[in-house]
C-alpha atoms as a PDB file:
ATOM      1  CA  MET A   1      -5.262   6.523   8.734  1.00  0.00           C
ATOM      2  CA  THR A   2      -5.124   8.948   5.812  1.00  0.00           C
ATOM      3  CA  LEU A   3      -8.486   7.747   4.525  1.00  0.00           C
ATOM      4  CA  LEU A   4     -10.017   8.016   7.994  1.00  0.00           C
ATOM      5  CA  VAL A   5      -8.774  11.588   8.457  1.00  0.00           C
ATOM      6  CA  ALA A   6      -9.972  12.564   4.974  1.00  0.00           C
ATOM      7  CA  SER A   7     -13.463  11.159   5.577  1.00  0.00           C
ATOM      8  CA  ALA A   8     -13.711  12.865   8.986  1.00  0.00           C
ATOM      9  CA  LEU A   9     -12.618  16.245   7.605  1.00  0.00           C
ATOM     10  CA  VAL A  10     -15.064  16.065   4.698  1.00  0.00           C
ATOM     11  CA  PHE A  11     -17.899  15.041   7.015  1.00  0.00           C
ATOM     12  CA  ALA A  12     -17.149  17.948   9.363  1.00  0.00           C
ATOM     13  CA  ALA A  13     -16.825  20.424   6.490  1.00  0.00           C
ATOM     14  CA  THR A  14     -20.160  19.344   5.020  1.00  0.00           C
ATOM     15  CA  GLU A  15     -21.860  19.583   8.402  1.00  0.00           C
ATOM     16  CA  VAL A  16     -20.940  23.246   8.845  1.00  0.00           C
ATOM     17  CA  LEU A  17     -22.301  24.231   5.441  1.00  0.00           C
ATOM     18  CA  PRO A  18     -25.686  25.976   5.521  1.00  0.00           C
ATOM     19  CA  GLY A  19     -28.653  23.700   4.787  1.00  0.00           C
ATOM     20  CA  ASN A  20     -28.753  19.941   4.306  1.00  0.00           C
ATOM     21  CA  ALA A  21     -30.247  17.334   1.973  1.00  0.00           C
ATOM     22  CA  ALA A  22     -33.758  18.039   3.251  1.00  0.00           C
ATOM     23  CA  THR A  23     -33.367  21.724   2.420  1.00  0.00           C
ATOM     24  CA  SER A  24     -32.057  20.822  -1.026  1.00  0.00           C
ATOM     25  CA  ILE A  25     -35.081  18.615  -1.753  1.00  0.00           C
ATOM     26  CA  LEU A  26     -37.820  20.800  -0.285  1.00  0.00           C
ATOM     27  CA  GLY A  27     -36.327  24.199  -0.986  1.00  0.00           C
ATOM     28  CA  ARG A  28     -35.627  27.004   1.423  1.00  0.00           C
ATOM     29  CA  ASN A  29     -39.295  28.058   1.476  1.00  0.00           C
ATOM     30  CA  ALA A  30     -40.465  24.766   3.004  1.00  0.00           C
ATOM     31  CA  THR A  31     -42.217  24.870   6.352  1.00  0.00           C
ATOM     32  CA  PRO A  32     -40.252  23.845   9.455  1.00  0.00           C
ATOM     33  CA  GLU A  33     -42.666  20.932   9.965  1.00  0.00           C
ATOM     34  CA  ALA A  34     -42.098  19.555   6.466  1.00  0.00           C
ATOM     35  CA  ARG A  35     -38.347  19.944   6.799  1.00  0.00           C
ATOM     36  CA  ALA A  36     -38.310  18.250  10.203  1.00  0.00           C
ATOM     37  CA  GLY A  37     -40.387  15.347   8.859  1.00  0.00           C
ATOM     38  CA  LEU A  38     -38.065  14.808   5.918  1.00  0.00           C
ATOM     39  CA  GLU A  39     -34.978  15.063   8.135  1.00  0.00           C
ATOM     40  CA  GLU A  40     -36.445  12.328  10.306  1.00  0.00           C
ATOM     41  CA  GLN A  41     -37.069  10.111   7.244  1.00  0.00           C
ATOM     42  CA  LEU A  42     -33.515  10.633   6.026  1.00  0.00           C
ATOM     43  CA  GLY A  43     -31.969  10.170   9.466  1.00  0.00           C
ATOM     44  CA  LEU A  44     -30.655  13.729   9.565  1.00  0.00           C
ATOM     45  CA  ASP A  45     -32.224  14.334  12.956  1.00  0.00           C
ATOM     46  CA  ARG A  46     -29.616  12.064  14.555  1.00  0.00           C
ATOM     47  CA  SER A  47     -26.372  13.411  15.981  1.00  0.00           C
ATOM     48  CA  PRO A  48     -23.488  13.928  13.518  1.00  0.00           C
ATOM     49  CA  VAL A  49     -21.262  11.529  15.464  1.00  0.00           C
ATOM     50  CA  SER A  50     -23.742   8.658  15.284  1.00  0.00           C
ATOM     51  CA  ARG A  51     -24.317   9.233  11.559  1.00  0.00           C
ATOM     52  CA  TYR A  52     -20.591   9.304  10.867  1.00  0.00           C
ATOM     53  CA  VAL A  53     -19.957   6.158  12.871  1.00  0.00           C
ATOM     54  CA  ASP A  54     -22.740   4.330  11.028  1.00  0.00           C
ATOM     55  CA  TRP A  55     -21.379   5.456   7.668  1.00  0.00           C
ATOM     56  CA  LEU A  56     -17.828   4.480   8.601  1.00  0.00           C
ATOM     57  CA  SER A  57     -18.861   1.009   9.764  1.00  0.00           C
ATOM     58  CA  GLY A  58     -20.523   0.436   6.399  1.00  0.00           C
ATOM     59  CA  ALA A  59     -17.642   1.929   4.399  1.00  0.00           C
ATOM     60  CA  ILE A  60     -15.242  -0.540   5.989  1.00  0.00           C
ATOM     61  CA  ARG A  61     -17.380  -3.277   4.400  1.00  0.00           C
ATOM     62  CA  LEU A  62     -17.466  -1.275   1.106  1.00  0.00           C
ATOM     63  CA  ASP A  63     -21.121  -0.457   1.767  1.00  0.00           C
ATOM     64  CA  PHE A  64     -21.493   3.300   1.335  1.00  0.00           C
ATOM     65  CA  GLY A  65     -25.153   3.333   2.217  1.00  0.00           C
ATOM     66  CA  GLN A  66     -27.922   5.145   0.363  1.00  0.00           C
ATOM     67  CA  SER A  67     -28.082   8.555  -1.263  1.00  0.00           C
ATOM     68  CA  LEU A  68     -30.051  11.212   0.558  1.00  0.00           C
ATOM     69  CA  THR A  69     -31.340  12.925  -2.579  1.00  0.00           C
ATOM     70  CA  ALA A  70     -30.955  10.744  -5.698  1.00  0.00           C
ATOM     71  CA  GLY A  71     -34.321   9.773  -7.130  1.00  0.00           C
ATOM     72  CA  LEU A  72     -36.227  11.661  -4.451  1.00  0.00           C
ATOM     73  CA  SER A  73     -38.679  14.525  -4.600  1.00  0.00           C
ATOM     74  CA  ALA A  74     -40.737  16.460  -2.136  1.00  0.00           C
ATOM     75  CA  ALA A  75     -43.555  13.900  -2.331  1.00  0.00           C
ATOM     76  CA  PRO A  76     -44.447  11.679   0.622  1.00  0.00           C
ATOM     77  CA  GLY A  77     -42.754   8.315   1.039  1.00  0.00           C
ATOM     78  CA  LEU A  78     -39.288   9.514   0.180  1.00  0.00           C
ATOM     79  CA  GLY A  79     -37.542   7.033   2.410  1.00  0.00           C
ATOM     80  CA  GLU A  80     -38.699   4.099   0.257  1.00  0.00           C
ATOM     81  CA  GLU A  81     -37.121   5.411  -2.986  1.00  0.00           C
ATOM     82  CA  ARG A  82     -33.543   6.041  -1.955  1.00  0.00           C
ATOM     83  CA  THR A  83     -30.774   4.880  -4.283  1.00  0.00           C
ATOM     84  CA  SER A  84     -27.606   3.106  -3.204  1.00  0.00           C
ATOM     85  CA  VAL A  85     -24.442   5.196  -3.318  1.00  0.00           C
ATOM     86  CA  THR A  86     -22.544   2.395  -5.064  1.00  0.00           C
ATOM     87  CA  SER A  87     -24.900   2.485  -8.049  1.00  0.00           C
ATOM     88  CA  ILE A  88     -24.547   6.278  -8.242  1.00  0.00           C
ATOM     89  CA  ILE A  89     -20.742   6.409  -8.253  1.00  0.00           C
ATOM     90  CA  ALA A  90     -20.128   3.327 -10.432  1.00  0.00           C
ATOM     91  CA  THR A  91     -20.511   4.991 -13.846  1.00  0.00           C
ATOM     92  CA  PRO A  92     -18.618   8.200 -12.947  1.00  0.00           C
ATOM     93  CA  LEU A  93     -15.759   6.073 -11.620  1.00  0.00           C
ATOM     94  CA  VAL A  94     -15.577   4.157 -14.911  1.00  0.00           C
ATOM     95  CA  ASN A  95     -15.676   7.415 -16.902  1.00  0.00           C
ATOM     96  CA  THR A  96     -12.923   8.944 -14.788  1.00  0.00           C
ATOM     97  CA  GLY A  97     -10.886   5.766 -15.169  1.00  0.00           C
ATOM     98  CA  LEU A  98     -11.184   6.064 -18.956  1.00  0.00           C
ATOM     99  CA  LEU A  99     -10.114   9.702 -18.776  1.00  0.00           C
ATOM    100  CA  ILE A 100      -7.050   8.873 -16.656  1.00  0.00           C
ATOM    101  CA  LEU A 101      -6.165   5.914 -18.909  1.00  0.00           C
ATOM    102  CA  ALA A 102      -6.389   8.039 -22.063  1.00  0.00           C
ATOM    103  CA  THR A 103      -4.295  10.730 -20.390  1.00  0.00           C
ATOM    104  CA  MET A 104      -1.557   8.306 -19.361  1.00  0.00           C
ATOM    105  CA  LEU A 105      -1.474   6.595 -22.782  1.00  0.00           C
ATOM    106  CA  LEU A 106      -0.741   9.964 -24.378  1.00  0.00           C
ATOM    107  CA  LEU A 107       1.352  11.417 -21.552  1.00  0.00           C
ATOM    108  CA  ILE A 108       3.969   8.646 -21.448  1.00  0.00           C
ATOM    109  CA  PRO A 109       5.185   8.831 -25.094  1.00  0.00           C
ATOM    110  CA  VAL A 110       4.954  12.637 -25.174  1.00  0.00           C
ATOM    111  CA  SER A 111       6.956  12.925 -21.953  1.00  0.00           C
ATOM    112  CA  PHE A 112       9.660  10.558 -23.191  1.00  0.00           C
ATOM    113  CA  PHE A 113       9.939  12.382 -26.512  1.00  0.00           C
ATOM    114  CA  VAL A 114      10.105  15.871 -24.982  1.00  0.00           C
ATOM    115  CA  GLY A 115      12.327  14.883 -22.055  1.00  0.00           C
ATOM    116  CA  THR A 116      14.774  12.859 -24.140  1.00  0.00           C
ATOM    117  CA  ALA A 117      14.998  15.453 -26.913  1.00  0.00           C
ATOM    118  CA  SER A 118      15.649  18.166 -24.360  1.00  0.00           C
ATOM    119  CA  ALA A 119      18.318  16.106 -22.563  1.00  0.00           C
ATOM    120  CA  LEU A 120      20.172  15.281 -25.800  1.00  0.00           C
ATOM    121  CA  ARG A 121      20.315  19.014 -26.580  1.00  0.00           C
ATOM    122  CA  GLN A 122      21.203  20.145 -23.081  1.00  0.00           C
ATOM    123  CA  GLY A 123      22.120  23.830 -22.990  1.00  0.00           C
ATOM    124  CA  SER A 124      20.827  24.559 -26.493  1.00  0.00           C
ATOM    125  CA  ARG A 125      18.117  27.036 -27.424  1.00  0.00           C
ATOM    126  CA  THR A 126      15.704  24.151 -27.896  1.00  0.00           C
ATOM    127  CA  ASP A 127      16.413  22.898 -24.398  1.00  0.00           C
ATOM    128  CA  THR A 128      16.037  26.370 -22.910  1.00  0.00           C
ATOM    129  CA  ALA A 129      12.759  27.009 -24.705  1.00  0.00           C
ATOM    130  CA  THR A 130      11.441  23.619 -23.602  1.00  0.00           C
ATOM    131  CA  GLN A 131      12.368  24.240 -19.966  1.00  0.00           C
ATOM    132  CA  VAL A 132      10.777  27.692 -19.965  1.00  0.00           C
ATOM    133  CA  THR A 133       7.588  26.234 -21.443  1.00  0.00           C
ATOM    134  CA  MET A 134       7.506  23.442 -18.874  1.00  0.00           C
ATOM    135  CA  LEU A 135       8.004  25.885 -15.994  1.00  0.00           C
ATOM    136  CA  ALA A 136       5.213  28.085 -17.350  1.00  0.00           C
ATOM    137  CA  LEU A 137       2.829  25.134 -17.538  1.00  0.00           C
ATOM    138  CA  VAL A 138       3.647  24.082 -13.974  1.00  0.00           C
ATOM    139  CA  SER A 139       2.623  27.511 -12.666  1.00  0.00           C
ATOM    140  CA  VAL A 140      -0.696  27.692 -14.554  1.00  0.00           C
ATOM    141  CA  PRO A 141      -3.886  26.426 -12.819  1.00  0.00           C
ATOM    142  CA  GLU A 142      -5.956  23.674 -14.415  1.00  0.00           C
ATOM    143  CA  PHE A 143      -8.937  25.853 -15.253  1.00  0.00           C
ATOM    144  CA  VAL A 144      -6.780  28.413 -17.090  1.00  0.00           C
ATOM    145  CA  VAL A 145      -5.361  25.783 -19.458  1.00  0.00           C
ATOM    146  CA  GLY A 146      -8.808  24.259 -19.925  1.00  0.00           C
ATOM    147  CA  VAL A 147     -10.466  27.593 -20.699  1.00  0.00           C
ATOM    148  CA  LEU A 148      -7.687  28.415 -23.157  1.00  0.00           C
ATOM    149  CA  PHE A 149      -8.265  25.136 -25.008  1.00  0.00           C
ATOM    150  CA  VAL A 150     -12.020  25.783 -25.067  1.00  0.00           C
ATOM    151  CA  ILE A 151     -11.508  29.249 -26.548  1.00  0.00           C
ATOM    152  CA  LEU A 152      -9.100  27.969 -29.200  1.00  0.00           C
ATOM    153  CA  PHE A 153     -10.781  24.736 -30.272  1.00  0.00           C
ATOM    154  CA  ALA A 154     -14.459  25.348 -29.513  1.00  0.00           C
ATOM    155  CA  PHE A 155     -14.852  29.025 -30.504  1.00  0.00           C
ATOM    156  CA  VAL A 156     -11.908  30.407 -32.497  1.00  0.00           C
ATOM    157  CA  TRP A 157     -11.483  27.140 -34.404  1.00  0.00           C
ATOM    158  CA  PRO A 158     -14.710  25.220 -33.657  1.00  0.00           C
ATOM    159  CA  VAL A 159     -13.628  21.637 -34.214  1.00  0.00           C
ATOM    160  CA  LEU A 160     -14.279  20.180 -30.758  1.00  0.00           C
ATOM    161  CA  PRO A 161     -17.169  20.405 -28.267  1.00  0.00           C
ATOM    162  CA  ALA A 162     -16.679  22.725 -25.288  1.00  0.00           C
ATOM    163  CA  VAL A 163     -18.431  20.339 -22.880  1.00  0.00           C
ATOM    164  CA  SER A 164     -18.510  16.556 -22.492  1.00  0.00           C
ATOM    165  CA  PHE A 165     -22.015  15.520 -21.492  1.00  0.00           C
ATOM    166  CA  GLU A 166     -21.219  12.002 -22.695  1.00  0.00           C
ATOM    167  CA  VAL A 167     -18.029   9.990 -23.105  1.00  0.00           C
ATOM    168  CA  THR A 168     -16.943   9.741 -26.740  1.00  0.00           C
ATOM    169  CA  PRO A 169     -13.549   9.964 -28.462  1.00  0.00           C
ATOM    170  CA  THR A 170     -14.373  13.542 -29.482  1.00  0.00           C
ATOM    171  CA  THR A 171     -15.445  14.755 -26.047  1.00  0.00           C
ATOM    172  CA  LEU A 172     -12.345  13.192 -24.481  1.00  0.00           C
ATOM    173  CA  VAL A 173      -9.935  15.295 -26.538  1.00  0.00           C
ATOM    174  CA  LEU A 174     -10.046  18.599 -24.638  1.00  0.00           C
ATOM    175  CA  PRO A 175     -10.075  17.134 -21.103  1.00  0.00           C
ATOM    176  CA  VAL A 176      -7.224  14.778 -21.997  1.00  0.00           C
ATOM    177  CA  ALA A 177      -5.265  17.576 -23.693  1.00  0.00           C
ATOM    178  CA  THR A 178      -5.665  19.746 -20.594  1.00  0.00           C
ATOM    179  CA  LEU A 179      -4.475  17.020 -18.236  1.00  0.00           C
ATOM    180  CA  VAL A 180      -1.552  16.091 -20.505  1.00  0.00           C
ATOM    181  CA  ALA A 181      -0.439  19.721 -20.840  1.00  0.00           C
ATOM    182  CA  LEU A 182      -0.432  20.103 -17.062  1.00  0.00           C
ATOM    183  CA  SER A 183       1.263  16.765 -16.328  1.00  0.00           C
ATOM    184  CA  VAL A 184       3.910  16.721 -19.049  1.00  0.00           C
ATOM    185  CA  ALA A 185       5.617  19.698 -17.437  1.00  0.00           C
ATOM    186  CA  TYR A 186       6.504  17.484 -14.474  1.00  0.00           C
ATOM    187  CA  THR A 187       7.149  14.134 -16.145  1.00  0.00           C
ATOM    188  CA  ALA A 188       9.207  15.500 -19.056  1.00  0.00           C
ATOM    189  CA  ARG A 189      11.511  17.341 -16.669  1.00  0.00           C
ATOM    190  CA  MET A 190      11.983  14.161 -14.616  1.00  0.00           C
ATOM    191  CA  ILE A 191      12.812  12.178 -17.752  1.00  0.00           C
ATOM    192  CA  ARG A 192      15.233  14.881 -18.877  1.00  0.00           C
ATOM    193  CA  SER A 193      17.069  14.700 -15.562  1.00  0.00           C
ATOM    194  CA  GLY A 194      17.187  10.906 -15.692  1.00  0.00           C
ATOM    195  CA  VAL A 195      18.522  10.833 -19.241  1.00  0.00           C
ATOM    196  CA  ILE A 196      21.184  13.443 -18.451  1.00  0.00           C
ATOM    197  CA  LEU A 197      22.405  11.373 -15.492  1.00  0.00           C
ATOM    198  CA  VAL A 198      22.629   8.217 -17.607  1.00  0.00           C
ATOM    199  CA  LEU A 199      24.466  10.052 -20.402  1.00  0.00           C
ATOM    200  CA  GLN A 200      27.221  10.806 -17.903  1.00  0.00           C
ATOM    201  CA  GLU A 201      27.789   7.144 -17.041  1.00  0.00           C
ATOM    202  CA  ASP A 202      30.979   5.371 -18.102  1.00  0.00           C
ATOM    203  CA  TYR A 203      29.211   2.592 -20.030  1.00  0.00           C
ATOM    204  CA  VAL A 204      27.596   5.173 -22.295  1.00  0.00           C
ATOM    205  CA  ALA A 205      30.970   6.752 -23.005  1.00  0.00           C
ATOM    206  CA  MET A 206      32.426   3.288 -23.679  1.00  0.00           C
ATOM    207  CA  ALA A 207      29.635   2.459 -26.138  1.00  0.00           C
ATOM    208  CA  ARG A 208      30.328   5.671 -28.024  1.00  0.00           C
ATOM    209  CA  LEU A 209      34.071   4.995 -28.081  1.00  0.00           C
ATOM    210  CA  LYS A 210      33.374   1.609 -29.652  1.00  0.00           C
ATOM    211  CA  GLY A 211      31.736   3.408 -32.558  1.00  0.00           C
ATOM    212  CA  MET A 212      28.176   2.428 -31.739  1.00  0.00           C
ATOM    213  CA  PRO A 213      25.686   4.688 -33.574  1.00  0.00           C
ATOM    214  CA  GLU A 214      24.115   7.327 -31.355  1.00  0.00           C
ATOM    215  CA  HIS A 215      20.541   6.137 -31.870  1.00  0.00           C
ATOM    216  CA  ILE A 216      21.534   2.629 -30.743  1.00  0.00           C
ATOM    217  CA  VAL A 217      23.330   4.034 -27.701  1.00  0.00           C
ATOM    218  CA  ILE A 218      20.176   5.914 -26.766  1.00  0.00           C
ATOM    219  CA  ARG A 219      17.873   2.957 -27.388  1.00  0.00           C
ATOM    220  CA  ARG A 220      19.982   0.218 -25.765  1.00  0.00           C
ATOM    221  CA  HIS A 221      21.826   1.960 -22.970  1.00  0.00           C
ATOM    222  CA  VAL A 222      20.275   5.331 -22.135  1.00  0.00           C
ATOM    223  CA  LEU A 223      16.510   4.882 -22.223  1.00  0.00           C
ATOM    224  CA  PRO A 224      16.328   1.471 -20.473  1.00  0.00           C
ATOM    225  CA  ASN A 225      18.408   2.786 -17.567  1.00  0.00           C
ATOM    226  CA  ALA A 226      16.529   6.099 -17.378  1.00  0.00           C
ATOM    227  CA  VAL A 227      13.066   4.508 -17.381  1.00  0.00           C
ATOM    228  CA  GLY A 228      13.216   2.984 -13.886  1.00  0.00           C
ATOM    229  CA  PRO A 229      13.601   6.159 -11.828  1.00  0.00           C
ATOM    230  CA  THR A 230      11.138   8.081 -14.020  1.00  0.00           C
ATOM    231  CA  LEU A 231       8.373   5.519 -13.470  1.00  0.00           C
ATOM    232  CA  GLN A 232       7.947   7.111 -10.061  1.00  0.00           C
ATOM    233  CA  ALA A 233       7.041  10.393 -11.731  1.00  0.00           C
ATOM    234  CA  PHE A 234       4.241   8.795 -13.738  1.00  0.00           C
ATOM    235  CA  VAL A 235       2.804   7.090 -10.672  1.00  0.00           C
ATOM    236  CA  ILE A 236       2.860  10.388  -8.772  1.00  0.00           C
ATOM    237  CA  VAL A 237       0.989  11.991 -11.680  1.00  0.00           C
ATOM    238  CA  VAL A 238      -1.788   9.420 -11.254  1.00  0.00           C
ATOM    239  CA  GLY A 239      -2.043  10.545  -7.628  1.00  0.00           C
ATOM    240  CA  TYR A 240      -2.161  14.156  -8.766  1.00  0.00           C
ATOM    241  CA  LEU A 241      -4.917  13.358 -11.238  1.00  0.00           C
ATOM    242  CA  ALA A 242      -7.025  12.047  -8.350  1.00  0.00           C
ATOM    243  CA  GLY A 243      -7.344  15.643  -7.166  1.00  0.00           C
ATOM    244  CA  GLY A 244      -6.683  17.799 -10.211  1.00  0.00           C
ATOM    245  CA  ILE A 245      -9.139  15.893 -12.342  1.00  0.00           C
ATOM    246  CA  VAL A 246     -12.053  17.271 -10.303  1.00  0.00           C
ATOM    247  CA  VAL A 247     -11.496  20.799 -11.636  1.00  0.00           C
ATOM    248  CA  VAL A 248     -11.018  19.628 -15.214  1.00  0.00           C
ATOM    249  CA  GLU A 249     -14.097  17.397 -15.190  1.00  0.00           C
ATOM    250  CA  TYR A 250     -16.274  20.155 -13.780  1.00  0.00           C
ATOM    251  CA  LEU A 251     -14.924  22.651 -16.316  1.00  0.00           C
ATOM    252  CA  PHE A 252     -15.821  20.405 -19.259  1.00  0.00           C
ATOM    253  CA  ALA A 253     -18.992  18.975 -17.652  1.00  0.00           C
ATOM    254  CA  PHE A 254     -17.393  15.550 -18.002  1.00  0.00           C
ATOM    255  CA  PRO A 255     -19.622  12.871 -16.386  1.00  0.00           C
ATOM    256  CA  GLY A 256     -16.978  11.585 -14.023  1.00  0.00           C
ATOM    257  CA  VAL A 257     -16.000  11.720 -10.370  1.00  0.00           C
ATOM    258  CA  GLY A 258     -15.308  15.455 -10.393  1.00  0.00           C
ATOM    259  CA  GLN A 259     -18.692  16.393 -11.817  1.00  0.00           C
ATOM    260  CA  GLY A 260     -20.450  13.927  -9.522  1.00  0.00           C
ATOM    261  CA  LEU A 261     -18.626  15.235  -6.461  1.00  0.00           C
ATOM    262  CA  VAL A 262     -19.556  18.851  -7.164  1.00  0.00           C
ATOM    263  CA  SER A 263     -23.204  17.899  -7.757  1.00  0.00           C
ATOM    264  CA  ALA A 264     -23.317  15.897  -4.514  1.00  0.00           C
ATOM    265  CA  ILE A 265     -21.873  18.834  -2.572  1.00  0.00           C
ATOM    266  CA  GLN A 266     -24.446  21.188  -4.056  1.00  0.00           C
ATOM    267  CA  THR A 267     -27.304  18.908  -2.951  1.00  0.00           C
ATOM    268  CA  ARG A 268     -25.654  18.178   0.438  1.00  0.00           C
ATOM    269  CA  ASP A 269     -25.765  14.451  -0.350  1.00  0.00           C
ATOM    270  CA  LEU A 270     -23.217  13.540   2.316  1.00  0.00           C
ATOM    271  CA  PRO A 271     -23.000   9.752   1.718  1.00  0.00           C
ATOM    272  CA  VAL A 272     -22.181  10.342  -1.951  1.00  0.00           C
ATOM    273  CA  VAL A 273     -19.662  13.066  -1.108  1.00  0.00           C
ATOM    274  CA  GLN A 274     -17.986  10.788   1.421  1.00  0.00           C
ATOM    275  CA  ALA A 275     -17.781   7.912  -1.063  1.00  0.00           C
ATOM    276  CA  TYR A 276     -16.233  10.064  -3.791  1.00  0.00           C
ATOM    277  CA  VAL A 277     -13.685  11.594  -1.412  1.00  0.00           C
ATOM    278  CA  LEU A 278     -12.763   8.187  -0.031  1.00  0.00           C
ATOM    279  CA  VAL A 279     -12.158   6.841  -3.537  1.00  0.00           C
ATOM    280  CA  LEU A 280     -10.036   9.861  -4.517  1.00  0.00           C
ATOM    281  CA  ALA A 281      -8.052   9.666  -1.289  1.00  0.00           C
ATOM    282  CA  ALA A 282      -7.507   5.932  -1.807  1.00  0.00           C
ATOM    283  CA  MET A 283      -6.191   6.589  -5.326  1.00  0.00           C
ATOM    284  CA  TYR A 284      -3.775   9.172  -3.959  1.00  0.00           C
ATOM    285  CA  VAL A 285      -2.557   6.912  -1.143  1.00  0.00           C
ATOM    286  CA  VAL A 286      -2.066   3.901  -3.438  1.00  0.00           C
ATOM    287  CA  ALA A 287      -0.245   6.009  -6.037  1.00  0.00           C
ATOM    288  CA  ASN A 288       2.167   7.372  -3.428  1.00  0.00           C
ATOM    289  CA  LEU A 289       2.714   3.900  -1.998  1.00  0.00           C
ATOM    290  CA  ILE A 290       3.581   2.520  -5.436  1.00  0.00           C
ATOM    291  CA  ALA A 291       5.858   5.511  -6.055  1.00  0.00           C
ATOM    292  CA  ASP A 292       7.728   4.819  -2.798  1.00  0.00           C
ATOM    293  CA  LEU A 293       8.105   1.147  -3.690  1.00  0.00           C
ATOM    294  CA  LEU A 294       9.449   2.019  -7.129  1.00  0.00           C
ATOM    295  CA  SER A 295      11.845   4.505  -5.588  1.00  0.00           C
ATOM    296  CA  VAL A 296      13.255   1.850  -3.262  1.00  0.00           C
ATOM    297  CA  THR A 297      13.362  -0.752  -6.045  1.00  0.00           C
ATOM    298  CA  PHE A 298      15.385   1.383  -8.445  1.00  0.00           C
ATOM    299  CA  ASN A 299      17.553   3.094  -5.828  1.00  0.00           C
ATOM    300  CA  PRO A 300      19.552   0.507  -3.841  1.00  0.00           C
ATOM    301  CA  ARG A 301      20.828   3.215  -1.481  1.00  0.00           C
ATOM    302  CA  LEU A 302      17.323   3.542  -0.049  1.00  0.00           C
ATOM    303  CA  ARG A 303      17.122  -0.139   0.873  1.00  0.00           C
ATOM    304  CA  VAL A 304      17.642  -0.924   4.525  1.00  0.00           C
ATOM    305  CA  ARG A 305      19.061  -4.278   5.512  1.00  0.00           C
ATOM    306  CA  THR A 306      17.194  -6.080   8.248  1.00  0.00           C
END
C-alpha cells in the first residue's frame, strides 16, 4: 500500500508541473502541431488515469516501460528509439548500492567506537562534548555538511575532487564522509544508550567483582548484549539513506539514483521518475520492516503469544 500511494502521489505531482516530456525534447518554442504530434507518439495525449494504470500494471510485473526522453531528439521517428527504463536505472542503482555499502562499512565501526567510548565515560567532559557534537550534526541538513566538506577538502586543502562524475575510491570519499557524519549522530547515540543499559546489569557487576579485566568485561559481556538492540538503528539508517542520499548524490554529481532522479524530473520523464521513486520507497519499507522484526526479536516484551 505504501508503494502504491507513493507512486500515485509522484505521478500526480509530476502531472501538475508545467510542460511534459514533449516540451523537454522540442523546447518551449516548438509549434503546437509539432508538440501535439510528439505527444501522440509518446502516448502523452491519453488521459493521466489510463497512463498511470498502464504503468502500474507493468510495474507489478517489474516492467517499468520505456523512457519518454532517453536517446530521443526532435527528429522524426522518435517512437522507434525509446530506451527501456530498466536499462536506464540499472547502473545508477548499482552505484547507489556501492555508496550505501561503503557508508555502512565505515559507519558501523565508527558508531561502535564513538558510542562505546562515550558510554564508558558517561558524565565526563568527553561524553558531554561527544553528545553536543552529535546533537549538532543531527540538526544540520545534508547539503550543509556536504558543502563544508567540499570547501575544506576540494578548495582549502585540495586533496579530493568536489564532484563524482564517475565511481572511484577517490570520488567516493566525500559523499561517504557526508553520509557517515550525518548518520553517526543517530547510531552512536543509540549504541551509547544500549551500552549504558548493559553496564547496569547484574552480570556485568558480577564479572567485575570476580576480578575480570575491564576490557574483557566490555568485549565478552557488554558489547555482545548491546549489539542486538542497536542493529535496529543501523537498519533504520539504511531506510534514511534511501531518501537522504538523493540530496548528497546531486550535490556531488554522483552518478546514482539521486542524480538520475533529479535529471528525470527535469526532463519530465515520468516512467523513469516513477521507477526511481518506487525503488527508494521499497528500500524504505523493507528497512523499516527489518527494523521492526529486529525490535521484536531482541525485545521479548514486544512478542505477542497467539
